[in-house]
C-alpha atoms as a PDB file:
ATOM      1  CA  MET A   1     -48.438  24.262  -5.283  1.00  0.00           C
ATOM      2  CA  PRO A   2     -51.624  26.026  -3.990  1.00  0.00           C
ATOM      3  CA  TRP A   3     -49.443  29.205  -3.638  1.00  0.00           C
ATOM      4  CA  THR A   4     -50.133  29.999  -7.273  1.00  0.00           C
ATOM      5  CA  ARG A   5     -53.848  29.566  -6.895  1.00  0.00           C
ATOM      6  CA  LEU A   6     -53.813  31.693  -3.748  1.00  0.00           C
ATOM      7  CA  ILE A   7     -52.003  34.579  -5.472  1.00  0.00           C
ATOM      8  CA  PHE A   8     -54.306  34.601  -8.478  1.00  0.00           C
ATOM      9  CA  GLY A   9     -57.406  34.262  -6.269  1.00  0.00           C
ATOM     10  CA  TRP A  10     -56.216  37.199  -4.171  1.00  0.00           C
ATOM     11  CA  ARG A  11     -55.600  39.311  -7.273  1.00  0.00           C
ATOM     12  CA  LYS A  12     -59.083  38.601  -8.671  1.00  0.00           C
ATOM     13  CA  LEU A  13     -60.728  39.614  -5.388  1.00  0.00           C
ATOM     14  CA  LEU A  14     -58.867  42.933  -5.310  1.00  0.00           C
ATOM     15  CA  PHE A  15     -59.533  43.677  -8.974  1.00  0.00           C
ATOM     16  CA  ASP A  16     -63.212  43.092  -8.534  1.00  0.00           C
ATOM     17  CA  THR A  17     -63.314  45.245  -5.410  1.00  0.00           C
ATOM     18  CA  CYS A  18     -60.983  48.172  -6.085  1.00  0.00           C
ATOM     19  CA  GLY A  19     -60.767  48.580  -9.824  1.00  0.00           C
ATOM     20  CA  VAL A  20     -57.868  49.547 -12.137  1.00  0.00           C
ATOM     21  CA  ASN A  21     -55.660  51.478  -9.698  1.00  0.00           C
ATOM     22  CA  MET A  22     -55.441  48.505  -7.452  1.00  0.00           C
ATOM     23  CA  LYS A  23     -54.249  46.445 -10.427  1.00  0.00           C
ATOM     24  CA  ARG A  24     -50.905  48.280 -10.379  1.00  0.00           C
ATOM     25  CA  VAL A  25     -50.422  47.622  -6.695  1.00  0.00           C
ATOM     26  CA  VAL A  26     -51.288  43.986  -7.068  1.00  0.00           C
ATOM     27  CA  LEU A  27     -49.041  43.624 -10.102  1.00  0.00           C
ATOM     28  CA  CYS A  28     -46.066  44.908  -8.100  1.00  0.00           C
ATOM     29  CA  ALA A  29     -46.983  42.666  -5.218  1.00  0.00           C
ATOM     30  CA  SER A  30     -47.255  39.678  -7.540  1.00  0.00           C
ATOM     31  CA  ILE A  31     -43.820  40.360  -9.011  1.00  0.00           C
ATOM     32  CA  ALA A  32     -42.337  40.704  -5.539  1.00  0.00           C
ATOM     33  CA  LEU A  33     -43.916  37.463  -4.371  1.00  0.00           C
ATOM     34  CA  SER A  34     -42.715  35.675  -7.510  1.00  0.00           C
ATOM     35  CA  MET A  35     -39.157  36.925  -6.940  1.00  0.00           C
ATOM     36  CA  LEU A  36     -39.251  35.826  -3.314  1.00  0.00           C
ATOM     37  CA  SER A  37     -40.589  32.454  -4.357  1.00  0.00           C
ATOM     38  CA  ALA A  38     -37.877  32.016  -6.997  1.00  0.00           C
ATOM     39  CA  GLN A  39     -35.219  33.158  -4.560  1.00  0.00           C
ATOM     40  CA  GLY A  40     -36.487  30.611  -2.066  1.00  0.00           C
ATOM     41  CA  VAL A  41     -36.233  27.861  -4.706  1.00  0.00           C
ATOM     42  CA  ARG A  42     -32.694  28.917  -5.632  1.00  0.00           C
ATOM     43  CA  ALA A  43     -31.682  28.993  -1.968  1.00  0.00           C
ATOM     44  CA  ALA A  44     -33.159  25.540  -1.477  1.00  0.00           C
ATOM     45  CA  ASP A  45     -31.363  24.257  -4.586  1.00  0.00           C
ATOM     46  CA  LEU A  46     -28.117  25.770  -3.332  1.00  0.00           C
ATOM     47  CA  ARG A  47     -28.513  24.076   0.041  1.00  0.00           C
ATOM     48  CA  VAL A  48     -29.192  20.733  -1.643  1.00  0.00           C
ATOM     49  CA  ASP A  49     -26.193  21.247  -3.932  1.00  0.00           C
ATOM     50  CA  GLN A  50     -23.964  22.077  -0.976  1.00  0.00           C
ATOM     51  CA  GLN A  51     -25.206  19.024   0.907  1.00  0.00           C
ATOM     52  CA  ARG A  52     -24.579  16.880  -2.166  1.00  0.00           C
ATOM     53  CA  LYS A  53     -21.048  18.214  -2.515  1.00  0.00           C
ATOM     54  CA  ALA A  54     -20.385  17.722   1.189  1.00  0.00           C
ATOM     55  CA  GLY A  55     -21.673  14.177   0.950  1.00  0.00           C
ATOM     56  CA  THR A  56     -19.485  13.488  -2.086  1.00  0.00           C
ATOM     57  CA  SER A  57     -16.429  14.923  -0.352  1.00  0.00           C
ATOM     58  CA  LYS A  58     -17.121  12.871   2.737  1.00  0.00           C
ATOM     59  CA  GLY A  59     -17.629   9.758   0.639  1.00  0.00           C
ATOM     60  CA  ALA A  60     -14.344  10.327  -1.217  1.00  0.00           C
ATOM     61  CA  GLU A  61     -12.537  10.788   2.075  1.00  0.00           C
ATOM     62  CA  THR A  62     -14.092   7.586   3.424  1.00  0.00           C
ATOM     63  CA  LYS A  63     -12.965   5.651   0.353  1.00  0.00           C
ATOM     64  CA  ARG A  64      -9.341   6.765   0.680  1.00  0.00           C
ATOM     65  CA  ARG A  65      -7.009   3.945   1.607  1.00  0.00           C
ATOM     66  CA  LEU A  66      -4.356   6.315   2.872  1.00  0.00           C
ATOM     67  CA  ALA A  67      -4.400   9.383   5.107  1.00  0.00           C
ATOM     68  CA  ILE A  68      -1.646  11.978   4.615  1.00  0.00           C
ATOM     69  CA  ARG A  69      -1.007  14.847   6.995  1.00  0.00           C
ATOM     70  CA  VAL A  70       1.479  17.580   6.132  1.00  0.00           C
ATOM     71  CA  GLU A  71       2.887  19.298   9.202  1.00  0.00           C
ATOM     72  CA  GLU A  72       3.467  23.018   9.500  1.00  0.00           C
ATOM     73  CA  GLY A  73       7.071  24.069   9.050  1.00  0.00           C
ATOM     74  CA  GLU A  74       9.637  25.622   6.746  1.00  0.00           C
ATOM     75  CA  TRP A  75       8.109  24.772   3.395  1.00  0.00           C
ATOM     76  CA  GLY A  76       9.451  27.843   1.634  1.00  0.00           C
ATOM     77  CA  GLY A  77       6.093  29.534   1.377  1.00  0.00           C
ATOM     78  CA  ALA A  78       4.077  26.521   0.228  1.00  0.00           C
ATOM     79  CA  LYS A  79       0.956  25.846   2.272  1.00  0.00           C
ATOM     80  CA  PRO A  80       0.464  22.433   3.950  1.00  0.00           C
ATOM     81  CA  GLU A  81      -2.950  22.041   2.306  1.00  0.00           C
ATOM     82  CA  GLU A  82      -1.373  22.598  -1.128  1.00  0.00           C
ATOM     83  CA  ILE A  83       1.286  20.000  -0.446  1.00  0.00           C
ATOM     84  CA  GLU A  84      -1.316  17.560   0.835  1.00  0.00           C
ATOM     85  CA  ALA A  85      -3.343  17.906  -2.366  1.00  0.00           C
ATOM     86  CA  LEU A  86      -0.231  17.142  -4.388  1.00  0.00           C
ATOM     87  CA  LEU A  87       0.840  14.164  -2.264  1.00  0.00           C
ATOM     88  CA  TYR A  88      -2.635  12.667  -2.479  1.00  0.00           C
ATOM     89  CA  ALA A  89      -2.349  12.877  -6.281  1.00  0.00           C
ATOM     90  CA  VAL A  90       0.937  10.949  -6.064  1.00  0.00           C
ATOM     91  CA  ALA A  91      -0.546   8.356  -3.710  1.00  0.00           C
ATOM     92  CA  ASP A  92      -3.623   7.885  -5.899  1.00  0.00           C
ATOM     93  CA  THR A  93      -1.378   7.292  -8.915  1.00  0.00           C
ATOM     94  CA  LEU A  94       0.707   4.616  -7.174  1.00  0.00           C
ATOM     95  CA  LEU A  95      -2.043   2.873  -5.219  1.00  0.00           C
ATOM     96  CA  THR A  96      -3.854   2.186  -8.485  1.00  0.00           C
ATOM     97  CA  HIS A  97      -1.295  -0.581  -8.927  1.00  0.00           C
ATOM     98  CA  PHE A  98      -1.936  -1.980  -5.432  1.00  0.00           C
ATOM     99  CA  PRO A  99      -5.757  -2.311  -5.353  1.00  0.00           C
ATOM    100  CA  GLU A 100      -5.846  -4.380  -2.146  1.00  0.00           C
ATOM    101  CA  ARG A 101      -3.203  -2.473  -0.203  1.00  0.00           C
ATOM    102  CA  GLN A 102      -4.089  -0.621   2.996  1.00  0.00           C
ATOM    103  CA  LEU A 103      -1.457   1.620   4.595  1.00  0.00           C
ATOM    104  CA  ASN A 104      -1.105   3.342   7.934  1.00  0.00           C
ATOM    105  CA  PRO A 105      -1.318   7.153   7.842  1.00  0.00           C
ATOM    106  CA  ILE A 106       1.727   9.128   6.705  1.00  0.00           C
ATOM    107  CA  ILE A 107       2.956  12.256   8.483  1.00  0.00           C
ATOM    108  CA  VAL A 108       5.052  14.497   6.218  1.00  0.00           C
ATOM    109  CA  SER A 109       7.453  17.134   7.574  1.00  0.00           C
ATOM    110  CA  PRO A 110      10.003  19.469   5.960  1.00  0.00           C
ATOM    111  CA  THR A 111      13.733  18.870   6.268  1.00  0.00           C
ATOM    112  CA  GLN A 112      16.883  20.773   5.392  1.00  0.00           C
ATOM    113  CA  GLN A 113      18.595  17.467   4.622  1.00  0.00           C
ATOM    114  CA  GLY A 114      17.689  14.733   2.148  1.00  0.00           C
ATOM    115  CA  PRO A 115      14.228  13.163   1.859  1.00  0.00           C
ATOM    116  CA  ILE A 116      13.743  10.044   3.965  1.00  0.00           C
ATOM    117  CA  VAL A 117      11.160   7.680   5.428  1.00  0.00           C
ATOM    118  CA  PHE A 118      12.091   6.716   8.980  1.00  0.00           C
ATOM    119  CA  TYR A 119      12.053   3.189  10.329  1.00  0.00           C
ATOM    120  CA  GLN A 120      10.657   4.558  13.582  1.00  0.00           C
ATOM    121  CA  LYS A 121       6.892   5.077  13.419  1.00  0.00           C
ATOM    122  CA  GLY A 122       4.857   7.903  14.963  1.00  0.00           C
ATOM    123  CA  PRO A 123       2.861   7.676  18.225  1.00  0.00           C
ATOM    124  CA  LYS A 124      -0.123   6.132  16.395  1.00  0.00           C
ATOM    125  CA  ASN A 125       1.998   3.882  14.186  1.00  0.00           C
ATOM    126  CA  GLU A 126       2.137   6.482  11.396  1.00  0.00           C
ATOM    127  CA  TYR A 127       4.870   6.425   8.799  1.00  0.00           C
ATOM    128  CA  GLN A 128       7.132   9.457   9.143  1.00  0.00           C
ATOM    129  CA  VAL A 129       8.398  11.012   5.912  1.00  0.00           C
ATOM    130  CA  HIS A 130      10.649  14.051   5.562  1.00  0.00           C
ATOM    131  CA  LEU A 131      10.792  15.934   2.254  1.00  0.00           C
ATOM    132  CA  ALA A 132      13.442  18.426   1.168  1.00  0.00           C
ATOM    133  CA  ALA A 133      11.368  20.114  -1.574  1.00  0.00           C
ATOM    134  CA  LYS A 134      10.468  23.737  -0.906  1.00  0.00           C
ATOM    135  CA  GLY A 135       8.255  26.476  -2.274  1.00  0.00           C
ATOM    136  CA  GLN A 136       6.153  25.771  -5.321  1.00  0.00           C
ATOM    137  CA  ARG A 137       8.582  23.385  -6.961  1.00  0.00           C
ATOM    138  CA  TRP A 138       5.820  20.805  -7.259  1.00  0.00           C
ATOM    139  CA  ALA A 139       7.856  18.470  -9.467  1.00  0.00           C
ATOM    140  CA  GLU A 140      10.391  17.997  -6.677  1.00  0.00           C
ATOM    141  CA  TYR A 141       7.665  17.088  -4.176  1.00  0.00           C
ATOM    142  CA  ILE A 142       6.356  14.514  -6.650  1.00  0.00           C
ATOM    143  CA  TYR A 143       9.795  13.020  -7.216  1.00  0.00           C
ATOM    144  CA  GLU A 144      10.695  12.798  -3.538  1.00  0.00           C
ATOM    145  CA  PHE A 145       7.364  11.571  -2.187  1.00  0.00           C
ATOM    146  CA  SER A 146       7.003   8.901  -4.907  1.00  0.00           C
ATOM    147  CA  HIS A 147      10.362   7.497  -3.855  1.00  0.00           C
ATOM    148  CA  GLU A 148       9.566   7.381  -0.142  1.00  0.00           C
ATOM    149  CA  LEU A 149       6.037   6.039  -0.623  1.00  0.00           C
ATOM    150  CA  PHE A 150       7.400   3.177  -2.706  1.00  0.00           C
ATOM    151  CA  HIS A 151       9.768   2.223   0.122  1.00  0.00           C
ATOM    152  CA  ILE A 152       6.642   1.881   2.266  1.00  0.00           C
ATOM    153  CA  LEU A 153       4.872  -0.221  -0.366  1.00  0.00           C
ATOM    154  CA  ALA A 154       7.963  -2.470  -0.521  1.00  0.00           C
ATOM    155  CA  ASN A 155       7.751  -3.106   3.255  1.00  0.00           C
ATOM    156  CA  TYR A 156      11.042  -1.329   3.917  1.00  0.00           C
ATOM    157  CA  GLU A 157      10.565  -1.718   7.687  1.00  0.00           C
ATOM    158  CA  ASN A 158      11.344  -5.441   7.356  1.00  0.00           C
ATOM    159  CA  HIS A 159      15.015  -4.541   6.906  1.00  0.00           C
ATOM    160  CA  ALA A 160      15.255  -2.071   9.772  1.00  0.00           C
ATOM    161  CA  PRO A 161      18.628  -2.393  11.548  1.00  0.00           C
ATOM    162  CA  PRO A 162      20.014  -4.633  12.843  1.00  0.00           C
ATOM    163  CA  LYS A 163      18.268  -6.847  10.287  1.00  0.00           C
ATOM    164  CA  ASN A 164      20.105  -7.817   7.148  1.00  0.00           C
ATOM    165  CA  ALA A 165      19.277  -5.894   3.965  1.00  0.00           C
ATOM    166  CA  PRO A 166      20.871  -7.736   1.045  1.00  0.00           C
ATOM    167  CA  HIS A 167      20.633  -5.901  -2.259  1.00  0.00           C
ATOM    168  CA  LEU A 168      18.987  -2.824  -0.825  1.00  0.00           C
ATOM    169  CA  TRP A 169      20.251  -1.078  -3.965  1.00  0.00           C
ATOM    170  CA  PHE A 170      17.543  -2.913  -5.950  1.00  0.00           C
ATOM    171  CA  GLU A 171      14.781  -1.448  -3.781  1.00  0.00           C
ATOM    172  CA  GLU A 172      16.401   1.982  -4.119  1.00  0.00           C
ATOM    173  CA  THR A 173      16.472   1.533  -7.876  1.00  0.00           C
ATOM    174  CA  LEU A 174      12.784   0.629  -7.975  1.00  0.00           C
ATOM    175  CA  CYS A 175      12.003   3.737  -5.932  1.00  0.00           C
ATOM    176  CA  GLU A 176      13.916   5.882  -8.424  1.00  0.00           C
ATOM    177  CA  THR A 177      12.005   4.214 -11.259  1.00  0.00           C
ATOM    178  CA  VAL A 178       8.690   5.001  -9.602  1.00  0.00           C
ATOM    179  CA  SER A 179       9.678   8.658  -9.228  1.00  0.00           C
ATOM    180  CA  LEU A 180      10.176   8.818 -12.991  1.00  0.00           C
ATOM    181  CA  TYR A 181       6.919   6.978 -13.594  1.00  0.00           C
ATOM    182  CA  THR A 182       4.880   9.337 -11.418  1.00  0.00           C
ATOM    183  CA  LEU A 183       6.429  12.436 -12.981  1.00  0.00           C
ATOM    184  CA  ARG A 184       5.503  11.223 -16.445  1.00  0.00           C
ATOM    185  CA  GLN A 185       2.016  10.151 -15.416  1.00  0.00           C
ATOM    186  CA  LEU A 186       1.154  13.395 -13.657  1.00  0.00           C
ATOM    187  CA  SER A 187       2.717  15.598 -16.326  1.00  0.00           C
ATOM    188  CA  ALA A 188       0.464  13.913 -18.906  1.00  0.00           C
ATOM    189  CA  ARG A 189      -2.608  14.273 -16.671  1.00  0.00           C
ATOM    190  CA  TRP A 190      -1.973  17.669 -15.119  1.00  0.00           C
ATOM    191  CA  GLU A 191      -3.101  19.822 -18.042  1.00  0.00           C
ATOM    192  CA  GLN A 192      -6.642  18.406 -17.910  1.00  0.00           C
ATOM    193  CA  SER A 193      -7.024  17.553 -14.217  1.00  0.00           C
ATOM    194  CA  PRO A 194      -4.424  19.143 -11.925  1.00  0.00           C
ATOM    195  CA  PRO A 195      -4.731  18.491  -8.166  1.00  0.00           C
ATOM    196  CA  ARG A 196      -5.806  22.140  -7.778  1.00  0.00           C
ATOM    197  CA  PRO A 197      -7.437  24.183 -10.581  1.00  0.00           C
ATOM    198  CA  GLU A 198      -4.966  27.052 -10.280  1.00  0.00           C
ATOM    199  CA  TRP A 199      -2.096  24.684 -11.106  1.00  0.00           C
ATOM    200  CA  LYS A 200      -3.211  23.949 -14.653  1.00  0.00           C
ATOM    201  CA  GLY A 201      -0.589  26.319 -16.048  1.00  0.00           C
ATOM    202  CA  TYR A 202       2.150  24.316 -14.311  1.00  0.00           C
ATOM    203  CA  ALA A 203       1.684  21.337 -16.670  1.00  0.00           C
ATOM    204  CA  PRO A 204       4.415  22.387 -19.174  1.00  0.00           C
ATOM    205  CA  THR A 205       6.910  22.941 -16.335  1.00  0.00           C
ATOM    206  CA  LEU A 206       6.209  19.488 -14.921  1.00  0.00           C
ATOM    207  CA  SER A 207       6.553  17.877 -18.334  1.00  0.00           C
ATOM    208  CA  LYS A 208       9.839  19.699 -18.953  1.00  0.00           C
ATOM    209  CA  PHE A 209      11.182  18.583 -15.560  1.00  0.00           C
ATOM    210  CA  ALA A 210      10.271  14.955 -16.308  1.00  0.00           C
ATOM    211  CA  ARG A 211      12.042  15.046 -19.702  1.00  0.00           C
ATOM    212  CA  ARG A 212      15.126  16.716 -18.238  1.00  0.00           C
ATOM    213  CA  VAL A 213      15.444  14.124 -15.477  1.00  0.00           C
ATOM    214  CA  PHE A 214      14.953  11.184 -17.845  1.00  0.00           C
ATOM    215  CA  ASN A 215      17.561  12.501 -20.311  1.00  0.00           C
ATOM    216  CA  GLU A 216      20.315  13.246 -17.793  1.00  0.00           C
ATOM    217  CA  PRO A 217      23.596  11.842 -19.185  1.00  0.00           C
ATOM    218  CA  HIS A 218      24.408   9.704 -16.148  1.00  0.00           C
ATOM    219  CA  ARG A 219      21.120   7.812 -16.642  1.00  0.00           C
ATOM    220  CA  GLN A 220      22.188   6.456 -20.053  1.00  0.00           C
ATOM    221  CA  LEU A 221      24.194   3.296 -20.700  1.00  0.00           C
ATOM    222  CA  PRO A 222      27.593   3.935 -22.275  1.00  0.00           C
ATOM    223  CA  ALA A 223      27.685   3.406 -26.028  1.00  0.00           C
ATOM    224  CA  ASN A 224      27.937  -0.222 -27.161  1.00  0.00           C
ATOM    225  CA  THR A 225      27.410  -1.509 -23.615  1.00  0.00           C
ATOM    226  CA  SER A 226      24.619  -3.851 -22.519  1.00  0.00           C
ATOM    227  CA  LEU A 227      23.097  -3.818 -19.049  1.00  0.00           C
ATOM    228  CA  ALA A 228      24.629  -7.239 -18.400  1.00  0.00           C
ATOM    229  CA  GLN A 229      28.101  -5.872 -19.188  1.00  0.00           C
ATOM    230  CA  TRP A 230      27.516  -2.730 -17.136  1.00  0.00           C
ATOM    231  CA  PHE A 231      26.159  -4.738 -14.216  1.00  0.00           C
ATOM    232  CA  ARG A 232      29.151  -7.083 -14.074  1.00  0.00           C
ATOM    233  CA  GLU A 233      31.325  -4.029 -13.416  1.00  0.00           C
ATOM    234  CA  ASN A 234      28.987  -1.975 -11.259  1.00  0.00           C
ATOM    235  CA  GLY A 235      26.981  -4.633  -9.386  1.00  0.00           C
ATOM    236  CA  PRO A 236      29.676  -5.141  -6.699  1.00  0.00           C
ATOM    237  CA  LEU A 237      29.815  -1.362  -6.138  1.00  0.00           C
ATOM    238  CA  LEU A 238      26.066  -1.228  -5.566  1.00  0.00           C
ATOM    239  CA  LEU A 239      26.275  -4.157  -3.194  1.00  0.00           C
ATOM    240  CA  GLY A 240      28.808  -2.213  -1.133  1.00  0.00           C
ATOM    241  CA  ASN A 241      26.804   1.024  -1.209  1.00  0.00           C
ATOM    242  CA  PRO A 242      23.087   0.844  -2.119  1.00  0.00           C
ATOM    243  CA  HIS A 243      22.800   4.643  -2.340  1.00  0.00           C
ATOM    244  CA  LEU A 244      24.985   5.296  -5.378  1.00  0.00           C
ATOM    245  CA  ARG A 245      22.301   7.474  -6.943  1.00  0.00           C
ATOM    246  CA  ALA A 246      23.842   7.852 -10.375  1.00  0.00           C
ATOM    247  CA  LYS A 247      23.976   4.064 -10.766  1.00  0.00           C
ATOM    248  CA  ASN A 248      20.500   3.546  -9.273  1.00  0.00           C
ATOM    249  CA  GLU A 249      19.134   6.129 -11.687  1.00  0.00           C
ATOM    250  CA  LEU A 250      20.748   4.549 -14.744  1.00  0.00           C
ATOM    251  CA  ILE A 251      19.029   1.226 -14.033  1.00  0.00           C
ATOM    252  CA  ALA A 252      15.813   3.108 -13.200  1.00  0.00           C
ATOM    253  CA  ASN A 253      15.669   4.502 -16.749  1.00  0.00           C
ATOM    254  CA  LEU A 254      15.954   0.970 -18.127  1.00  0.00           C
ATOM    255  CA  PHE A 255      13.393  -0.414 -15.688  1.00  0.00           C
ATOM    256  CA  LEU A 256      10.803   2.262 -16.432  1.00  0.00           C
ATOM    257  CA  PRO A 257       9.117   0.375 -19.337  1.00  0.00           C
ATOM    258  CA  VAL A 258       8.429  -2.533 -16.947  1.00  0.00           C
ATOM    259  CA  LEU A 259       6.365  -0.221 -14.747  1.00  0.00           C
ATOM    260  CA  GLU A 260       4.702   1.585 -17.628  1.00  0.00           C
ATOM    261  CA  HIS A 261       3.530  -1.550 -19.423  1.00  0.00           C
ATOM    262  CA  ASN A 262       2.650  -3.774 -16.481  1.00  0.00           C
ATOM    263  CA  ARG A 263      -0.147  -2.445 -14.270  1.00  0.00           C
ATOM    264  CA  ASP A 264       0.141  -5.169 -11.635  1.00  0.00           C
ATOM    265  CA  TRP A 265       2.931  -4.187  -9.250  1.00  0.00           C
ATOM    266  CA  GLN A 266       1.758  -6.225  -6.291  1.00  0.00           C
ATOM    267  CA  ALA A 267       4.881  -8.396  -6.352  1.00  0.00           C
ATOM    268  CA  VAL A 268       6.655  -5.420  -4.739  1.00  0.00           C
ATOM    269  CA  ALA A 269       4.868  -6.231  -1.475  1.00  0.00           C
ATOM    270  CA  PHE A 270       6.855  -9.506  -1.379  1.00  0.00           C
ATOM    271  CA  LEU A 271      10.238  -7.957  -2.098  1.00  0.00           C
ATOM    272  CA  ASN A 272      11.339  -7.748   1.535  1.00  0.00           C
ATOM    273  CA  PRO A 273      10.606 -10.832   3.615  1.00  0.00           C
ATOM    274  CA  GLU A 274      10.542 -10.459   7.373  1.00  0.00           C
ATOM    275  CA  VAL A 275      13.669 -12.589   7.612  1.00  0.00           C
ATOM    276  CA  MET A 276      16.394 -12.908   4.973  1.00  0.00           C
ATOM    277  CA  GLN A 277      19.118 -15.296   6.007  1.00  0.00           C
ATOM    278  CA  GLY A 278      22.747 -14.534   5.217  1.00  0.00           C
ATOM    279  CA  ASN A 279      24.290 -12.701   2.299  1.00  0.00           C
ATOM    280  CA  VAL A 280      22.846 -14.087  -0.910  1.00  0.00           C
ATOM    281  CA  GLY A 281      23.816 -13.433  -4.491  1.00  0.00           C
ATOM    282  CA  PHE A 282      21.675 -11.118  -6.577  1.00  0.00           C
ATOM    283  CA  TYR A 283      20.216 -13.834  -8.790  1.00  0.00           C
ATOM    284  CA  ASP A 284      19.443 -15.869  -5.687  1.00  0.00           C
ATOM    285  CA  TYR A 285      17.733 -12.768  -4.274  1.00  0.00           C
ATOM    286  CA  LEU A 286      15.584 -12.355  -7.390  1.00  0.00           C
ATOM    287  CA  ALA A 287      14.695 -16.050  -7.447  1.00  0.00           C
ATOM    288  CA  SER A 288      13.644 -15.936  -3.809  1.00  0.00           C
ATOM    289  CA  TRP A 289      11.477 -12.872  -4.465  1.00  0.00           C
ATOM    290  CA  HIS A 290       9.839 -14.619  -7.402  1.00  0.00           C
ATOM    291  CA  SER A 291       9.114 -17.715  -5.318  1.00  0.00           C
ATOM    292  CA  ARG A 292       7.486 -15.709  -2.503  1.00  0.00           C
ATOM    293  CA  THR A 293       5.203 -13.880  -4.911  1.00  0.00           C
ATOM    294  CA  PRO A 294       1.789 -15.454  -5.590  1.00  0.00           C
ATOM    295  CA  PRO A 295       1.641 -16.875  -9.133  1.00  0.00           C
ATOM    296  CA  GLU A 296      -0.987 -14.391 -10.285  1.00  0.00           C
ATOM    297  CA  HIS A 297       1.417 -11.504  -9.572  1.00  0.00           C
ATOM    298  CA  GLN A 298       4.651 -13.041 -10.881  1.00  0.00           C
ATOM    299  CA  GLU A 299       4.743 -11.246 -14.214  1.00  0.00           C
ATOM    300  CA  PHE A 300       6.488  -8.326 -12.510  1.00  0.00           C
ATOM    301  CA  THR A 301       9.235 -10.592 -11.146  1.00  0.00           C
ATOM    302  CA  ARG A 302       9.614 -12.382 -14.487  1.00  0.00           C
ATOM    303  CA  LEU A 303      10.158  -9.068 -16.240  1.00  0.00           C
ATOM    304  CA  ALA A 304      12.702  -8.028 -13.615  1.00  0.00           C
ATOM    305  CA  MET A 305      14.652 -11.264 -14.006  1.00  0.00           C
ATOM    306  CA  ARG A 306      14.497 -11.064 -17.781  1.00  0.00           C
ATOM    307  CA  MET A 307      15.823  -7.517 -17.671  1.00  0.00           C
ATOM    308  CA  PHE A 308      18.883  -8.709 -15.754  1.00  0.00           C
ATOM    309  CA  HIS A 309      19.277 -11.648 -18.139  1.00  0.00           C
ATOM    310  CA  PHE A 310      18.419 -14.286 -15.574  1.00  0.00           C
ATOM    311  CA  ASP A 311      18.556 -16.887 -18.359  1.00  0.00           C
ATOM    312  CA  ALA A 312      22.021 -15.743 -19.449  1.00  0.00           C
ATOM    313  CA  PRO A 313      25.129 -17.879 -18.790  1.00  0.00           C
ATOM    314  CA  GLU A 314      26.350 -15.551 -16.030  1.00  0.00           C
ATOM    315  CA  ALA A 315      23.265 -16.454 -13.980  1.00  0.00           C
ATOM    316  CA  ALA A 316      24.234 -20.119 -13.949  1.00  0.00           C
ATOM    317  CA  GLN A 317      27.057 -19.584 -11.459  1.00  0.00           C
ATOM    318  CA  TYR A 318      24.585 -18.505  -8.747  1.00  0.00           C
ATOM    319  CA  LYS A 319      22.610 -20.818  -6.494  1.00  0.00           C
ATOM    320  CA  LEU A 320      18.903 -20.482  -7.360  1.00  0.00           C
ATOM    321  CA  ALA A 321      16.910 -20.523  -4.128  1.00  0.00           C
ATOM    322  CA  LYS A 322      13.553 -22.257  -3.673  1.00  0.00           C
ATOM    323  CA  VAL A 323      13.376 -23.994  -7.028  1.00  0.00           C
ATOM    324  CA  GLY A 324      13.238 -27.399  -5.414  1.00  0.00           C
ATOM    325  CA  PRO A 325      16.374 -29.519  -4.808  1.00  0.00           C
ATOM    326  CA  GLN A 326      19.606 -27.822  -5.735  1.00  0.00           C
ATOM    327  CA  ALA A 327      20.243 -28.456  -9.423  1.00  0.00           C
ATOM    328  CA  PRO A 328      23.649 -29.540 -10.676  1.00  0.00           C
ATOM    329  CA  ALA A 329      25.663 -26.761 -12.245  1.00  0.00           C
ATOM    330  CA  SER A 330      24.914 -28.015 -15.756  1.00  0.00           C
ATOM    331  CA  ASP A 331      21.163 -27.823 -15.097  1.00  0.00           C
ATOM    332  CA  ARG A 332      20.975 -24.397 -13.472  1.00  0.00           C
ATOM    333  CA  PRO A 333      20.007 -22.506 -16.649  1.00  0.00           C
ATOM    334  CA  VAL A 334      17.086 -24.960 -16.898  1.00  0.00           C
ATOM    335  CA  ALA A 335      16.117 -24.060 -13.312  1.00  0.00           C
ATOM    336  CA  ALA A 336      16.178 -20.403 -14.313  1.00  0.00           C
ATOM    337  CA  GLN A 337      13.798 -21.163 -17.176  1.00  0.00           C
ATOM    338  CA  GLN A 338      11.461 -22.907 -14.720  1.00  0.00           C
ATOM    339  CA  LEU A 339      11.351 -19.679 -12.763  1.00  0.00           C
ATOM    340  CA  LEU A 340      10.863 -17.490 -15.784  1.00  0.00           C
ATOM    341  CA  GLY A 341       8.249 -19.686 -17.407  1.00  0.00           C
ATOM    342  CA  ALA A 342       7.725 -19.987 -21.112  1.00  0.00           C
ATOM    343  CA  ALA A 343       7.659 -16.224 -21.584  1.00  0.00           C
ATOM    344  CA  GLY A 344      11.129 -15.922 -20.115  1.00  0.00           C
ATOM    345  CA  SER A 345      12.838 -17.635 -23.017  1.00  0.00           C
ATOM    346  CA  SER A 346      12.765 -14.427 -25.043  1.00  0.00           C
ATOM    347  CA  ARG A 347      14.245 -11.069 -24.162  1.00  0.00           C
ATOM    348  CA  ASP A 348      12.689  -7.640 -24.601  1.00  0.00           C
END
């Protein structure tokens, strides 16, 4: 810039005119001008940096497929903006598995009762979620919000009363599984990239909470008992009451590897059809879910059916929906194999 030339030209003129004493004055003036110039550059750089950051933040906000708003209330000292940061981390973790999914905004409020997502929407069609977690028990927020968000991803509103909700226990079990999944994912990630920098030291606590939950005794199958054996005894109880948490959580532990090793969860969006006629058996329910799911997303349903031994003899007694004409009883295991595909002939 000509500024440099101007300064040095000015200095030469003064030196030639006023001699050595003026050199000291000019030297000080030169230093001052240089400092002002540098300060101006730094200020300009800072403004550009701030604009860049603002633009990045705005761009990130624009790219979000979900808006979450945490209401003021009795959060036990936690700030709404802290909770929002945490819930966005949960949502980002789950929505990775639903790359095409767009959701209405979610309004989150505190409750003194249990966590819940309401069938009734807000004034602008927002989902309304209540969480029971309080204070800085971040692991509990993660566990609760993961569960309720997965209800939303499973289109829970399609079974709002008075509609029929056969095998709601299975959806509840998936939600419990996702809570475990998110805890483990975030506990592994938190140490390097927590939702807020000051939370980095919370990583060991989160990891410990995840291990404790996973290893709870009621989540383990009894010794020498298979899931098929356990389910024959406990399936009817779950059908009568889908919120038997201890039983939901036991199956959730077993289902967790399905979620951890299969990134495509989009079949969940087809779990709850808008209309489900009558009371159907569980295997019929799974078969119907599989049939509604586009072929490119059916691996999730195949793994679910394989886990419950869909190709086992006990499955043959159930009517298999939407496999074509009803197969004779002797051919029903073959129909199950048609649903499972070649990969379904083996069990994990």
